[in-house]
């Protein structure tokens, strides 16, 4: 049996707050898409839907992770979904000024669903609790490391499109929340990687705290943009 980690109540508060904040971002994204009709916003939306689901799996881990198989499976699915979420968010920045068809977005989604389905069937069919306890940390470290690379790409893209051009000081200040949010998420991912190596409770707690703060910065930036429209 795997006992609840310490700080379980705090963990659940972080996850509930994060779910609310991600939902806020999704709400603003839907509103923006209805007005702008830009297809890159759809990939942004898919990314945050996946992020919402990944956070829900961390909450499920806190609620039902007392058995080893559920503990490892929920964290494993969370890691894969989080990587897929950041990949779709990065795609939205990549395709922001490029031609992106809805058919291509659907193709990306089908590829993701196929990979996730095969992975889930494999892990439930051929793995044991012992195998999961060995492979879950290794796979998670790879996933969190990939997340770091993706987040660094997003930060670079934001720098190129936002801060490399001459702008008024007030406009730069209004834009700073978005990179601040992704930088905070990046620091959190470093702690997720550290947790994968060490399995220390405090690193996981801080990683979830920074994740919630980073999402908070992003939701605040979208709220600011929406109010200034």
Protein backbone atom coordinates (compact mmCIF):
# COMPACT_ATOMS: atom_id res chain seq x y z
CA UNK A 1 0.00 0.00 0.00
CA UNK A 2 1.12 3.54 -0.75
CA UNK A 3 0.04 6.01 1.92
CA UNK A 4 -1.09 9.53 1.20
CA UNK A 5 1.85 11.89 0.97
CA UNK A 6 2.18 14.50 3.68
CA UNK A 7 0.45 17.83 2.98
CA UNK A 8 -2.42 16.03 1.24
CA UNK A 9 -4.95 18.72 2.19
CA UNK A 10 -2.67 21.45 0.83
CA UNK A 11 -2.13 19.44 -2.36
CA UNK A 12 -5.86 19.19 -2.93
CA UNK A 13 -6.33 22.92 -2.36
CA UNK A 14 -3.63 23.62 -4.97
CA UNK A 15 -5.31 21.29 -7.48
CA UNK A 16 -8.80 22.73 -6.94
CA UNK A 17 -7.47 26.30 -7.33
CA UNK A 18 -5.51 25.27 -10.44
CA UNK A 19 -8.55 23.59 -11.99
CA UNK A 20 -10.54 26.80 -11.45
CA UNK A 21 -7.77 28.97 -12.96
CA UNK A 22 -7.32 26.71 -16.00
CA UNK A 23 -11.10 26.80 -16.46
CA UNK A 24 -10.89 30.61 -16.42
CA UNK A 25 -8.25 30.53 -19.16
CA UNK A 26 -10.44 28.20 -21.22
CA UNK A 27 -13.40 30.56 -20.81
CA UNK A 28 -11.40 33.54 -22.09
CA UNK A 29 -9.99 31.44 -24.95
CA UNK A 30 -13.47 30.38 -26.07
CA UNK A 31 -14.60 34.02 -26.00
CA UNK A 32 -11.51 35.10 -27.95
CA UNK A 33 -12.09 32.41 -30.58
CA UNK A 34 -15.72 33.44 -31.05
CA UNK A 35 -14.56 36.99 -31.77
CA UNK A 36 -11.32 36.42 -33.70
CA UNK A 37 -12.02 33.04 -35.40
CA UNK A 38 -8.27 32.34 -35.37
CA UNK A 39 -7.58 28.60 -35.65
CA UNK A 40 -4.39 28.75 -33.57
CA UNK A 41 -6.65 29.49 -30.59
CA UNK A 42 -8.15 26.02 -31.01
CA UNK A 43 -4.77 24.38 -30.34
CA UNK A 44 -4.36 26.72 -27.36
CA UNK A 45 -7.79 25.57 -26.16
CA UNK A 46 -6.98 21.87 -26.64
CA UNK A 47 -3.74 22.38 -24.70
CA UNK A 48 -5.51 23.83 -21.70
CA UNK A 49 -8.26 21.20 -21.82
CA UNK A 50 -5.51 18.57 -21.56
CA UNK A 51 -3.87 20.57 -18.79
CA UNK A 52 -7.19 20.66 -16.93
CA UNK A 53 -7.48 16.87 -17.20
CA UNK A 54 -3.86 16.37 -16.09
CA UNK A 55 -4.48 18.47 -12.97
CA UNK A 56 -7.60 16.42 -12.28
CA UNK A 57 -5.45 13.27 -12.28
CA UNK A 58 -3.19 14.77 -9.61
CA UNK A 59 -6.32 15.45 -7.56
CA UNK A 60 -7.46 11.85 -8.14
CA UNK A 61 -4.04 10.70 -6.96
CA UNK A 62 -4.51 12.62 -3.72
CA UNK A 63 -8.01 11.21 -3.23
CA UNK A 64 -7.59 7.57 -4.31
CA UNK A 65 -3.84 6.95 -4.49
CA UNK A 66 -3.67 4.77 -1.38
CA UNK A 67 -3.23 1.66 -3.55
CA UNK A 68 0.08 1.43 -5.40
CA UNK A 69 -1.38 0.75 -8.87
CA UNK A 70 -3.70 3.78 -8.74
CA UNK A 71 -0.92 5.93 -7.27
CA UNK A 72 1.48 5.15 -10.12
CA UNK A 73 -1.10 5.08 -12.95
CA UNK A 74 -2.61 8.47 -12.05
CA UNK A 75 0.82 10.12 -11.86
CA UNK A 76 1.88 8.45 -15.11
CA UNK A 77 -1.23 9.61 -16.99
CA UNK A 78 -0.79 13.10 -15.49
CA UNK A 79 2.77 13.29 -16.79
CA UNK A 80 1.81 12.21 -20.33
CA UNK A 81 -1.22 14.54 -20.47
CA UNK A 82 0.80 17.47 -19.19
CA UNK A 83 3.41 16.95 -21.90
CA UNK A 84 0.67 16.74 -24.55
CA UNK A 85 -0.92 19.91 -23.12
CA UNK A 86 2.29 21.93 -23.31
CA UNK A 87 2.91 20.58 -26.82
CA UNK A 88 -0.48 21.88 -28.03
CA UNK A 89 0.09 25.24 -26.32
CA UNK A 90 3.48 25.45 -28.07
CA UNK A 91 1.78 24.60 -31.37
CA UNK A 92 -0.56 27.55 -30.89
CA UNK A 93 2.46 29.87 -30.66
CA UNK A 94 4.16 28.17 -33.60
CA UNK A 95 1.08 28.49 -35.84
CA UNK A 96 0.10 31.94 -34.62
CA UNK A 97 1.21 33.68 -37.83
CA UNK A 98 1.02 30.60 -40.06
CA UNK A 99 -1.71 28.81 -41.94
CA UNK A 100 -3.35 26.26 -39.64
CA UNK A 101 -6.39 24.35 -40.85
CA UNK A 102 -8.97 22.75 -38.59
CA UNK A 103 -8.24 19.45 -40.41
CA UNK A 104 -4.63 19.61 -39.24
CA UNK A 105 -5.73 20.29 -35.66
CA UNK A 106 -8.07 17.28 -35.81
CA UNK A 107 -5.16 15.19 -37.11
CA UNK A 108 -3.02 16.25 -34.15
CA UNK A 109 -5.84 15.38 -31.76
CA UNK A 110 -6.38 11.94 -33.33
CA UNK A 111 -2.65 11.19 -33.11
CA UNK A 112 -2.70 12.19 -29.44
CA UNK A 113 -5.78 10.07 -28.68
CA UNK A 114 -4.21 7.10 -30.48
CA UNK A 115 -0.94 7.35 -28.56
CA UNK A 116 -2.72 7.78 -25.22
CA UNK A 117 -5.09 4.88 -25.90
CA UNK A 118 -2.26 2.51 -26.80
CA UNK A 119 -0.28 3.62 -23.76
CA UNK A 120 -3.18 3.11 -21.35
CA UNK A 121 -4.04 -0.33 -22.78
CA UNK A 122 -0.38 -1.35 -22.56
CA UNK A 123 0.08 -0.26 -18.97
CA UNK A 124 -3.15 -1.79 -17.75
CA UNK A 125 -2.63 -5.05 -19.66
CA UNK A 126 1.05 -5.84 -19.30
CA UNK A 127 2.36 -4.06 -16.24
CA UNK A 128 2.33 -5.05 -12.61
CA UNK A 129 2.60 -2.92 -9.51
CA UNK A 130 6.31 -3.69 -9.30
CA UNK A 131 6.87 -2.75 -12.93
CA UNK A 132 4.96 0.50 -12.51
CA UNK A 133 6.93 1.43 -9.39
CA UNK A 134 10.14 1.06 -11.43
CA UNK A 135 9.06 2.59 -14.74
CA UNK A 136 6.74 5.38 -13.56
CA UNK A 137 9.54 7.57 -12.13
CA UNK A 138 11.72 7.02 -15.22
CA UNK A 139 8.96 7.83 -17.71
CA UNK A 140 7.84 10.81 -15.63
CA UNK A 141 11.37 12.25 -15.60
CA UNK A 142 11.49 12.03 -19.41
CA UNK A 143 8.05 13.66 -19.70
CA UNK A 144 8.90 16.50 -17.31
CA UNK A 145 12.22 17.06 -19.09
CA UNK A 146 10.39 17.31 -22.43
CA UNK A 147 8.06 19.82 -20.77
CA UNK A 148 11.07 21.95 -19.87
CA UNK A 149 12.17 22.07 -23.50
CA UNK A 150 8.65 22.92 -24.70
CA UNK A 151 8.23 25.67 -22.09
CA UNK A 152 11.61 27.18 -23.01
CA UNK A 153 10.45 27.26 -26.64
CA UNK A 154 7.25 29.06 -25.60
CA UNK A 155 9.22 31.61 -23.55
CA UNK A 156 11.60 32.19 -26.47
CA UNK A 157 8.65 32.62 -28.84
CA UNK A 158 7.02 35.13 -26.49
CA UNK A 159 10.29 37.06 -26.25
CA UNK A 160 10.66 37.21 -30.03
CA UNK A 161 7.07 38.30 -30.66
CA UNK A 162 6.63 40.59 -27.67
CA UNK A 163 9.83 41.98 -26.19
CA UNK A 164 12.26 42.05 -29.12
CA UNK A 165 10.28 44.88 -30.74
CA UNK A 166 10.25 48.43 -29.50
CA UNK A 167 7.14 49.09 -27.44
CA UNK A 168 5.86 51.63 -25.00
CA UNK A 169 6.74 50.93 -21.40
CA UNK A 170 3.09 50.64 -20.39
CA UNK A 171 2.47 48.07 -23.12
CA UNK A 172 5.47 45.99 -22.02
CA UNK A 173 4.22 46.04 -18.44
CA UNK A 174 0.82 44.81 -19.59
CA UNK A 175 2.48 41.92 -21.47
CA UNK A 176 4.84 40.82 -18.69
CA UNK A 177 2.34 38.51 -16.93
CA UNK A 178 2.35 35.98 -19.78
CA UNK A 179 6.13 35.26 -19.82
CA UNK A 180 6.13 35.46 -16.01
CA UNK A 181 3.49 32.74 -15.96
CA UNK A 182 5.44 30.45 -18.29
CA UNK A 183 8.73 31.13 -16.44
CA UNK A 184 7.03 30.14 -13.19
CA UNK A 185 5.71 26.97 -14.85
CA UNK A 186 9.26 26.24 -16.06
CA UNK A 187 10.70 26.54 -12.56
CA UNK A 188 7.91 24.26 -11.38
CA UNK A 189 8.86 21.71 -14.04
CA UNK A 190 12.44 21.74 -12.77
CA UNK A 191 11.05 20.75 -9.38
CA UNK A 192 8.91 18.04 -11.03
CA UNK A 193 12.11 16.63 -12.59
CA UNK A 194 13.86 16.85 -9.22
CA UNK A 195 10.93 15.05 -7.60
CA UNK A 196 11.20 12.31 -10.25
CA UNK A 197 14.80 11.67 -9.20
CA UNK A 198 14.41 12.08 -5.44
CA UNK A 199 10.71 11.42 -4.67
CA UNK A 200 10.89 14.09 -1.94
CA UNK A 201 7.57 15.38 -0.67
CA UNK A 202 8.55 19.04 -0.33
CA UNK A 203 9.73 19.28 -3.98
CA UNK A 204 6.38 17.91 -5.18
CA UNK A 205 4.53 20.36 -2.93
CA UNK A 206 6.55 23.33 -4.23
CA UNK A 207 6.15 22.12 -7.84
CA UNK A 208 2.37 22.13 -7.45
CA UNK A 209 2.45 25.54 -5.74
CA UNK A 210 4.50 27.06 -8.59
CA UNK A 211 2.21 25.41 -11.12
CA UNK A 212 -0.81 27.08 -9.52
CA UNK A 213 1.00 30.45 -9.36
CA UNK A 214 2.09 30.18 -13.01
CA UNK A 215 -1.44 29.40 -14.16
CA UNK A 216 -2.63 32.29 -11.99
CA UNK A 217 -0.32 34.70 -13.83
CA UNK A 218 -1.60 33.44 -17.19
CA UNK A 219 -5.26 33.76 -16.20
CA UNK A 220 -4.59 37.27 -14.82
CA UNK A 221 -2.92 38.27 -18.09
CA UNK A 222 -5.92 37.09 -20.12
CA UNK A 223 -8.28 38.93 -17.76
CA UNK A 224 -6.20 42.09 -18.25
CA UNK A 225 -6.24 41.68 -22.04
CA UNK A 226 -10.00 41.09 -22.04
CA UNK A 227 -10.67 44.18 -19.92
CA UNK A 228 -8.54 46.34 -22.22
CA UNK A 229 -10.40 45.27 -25.36
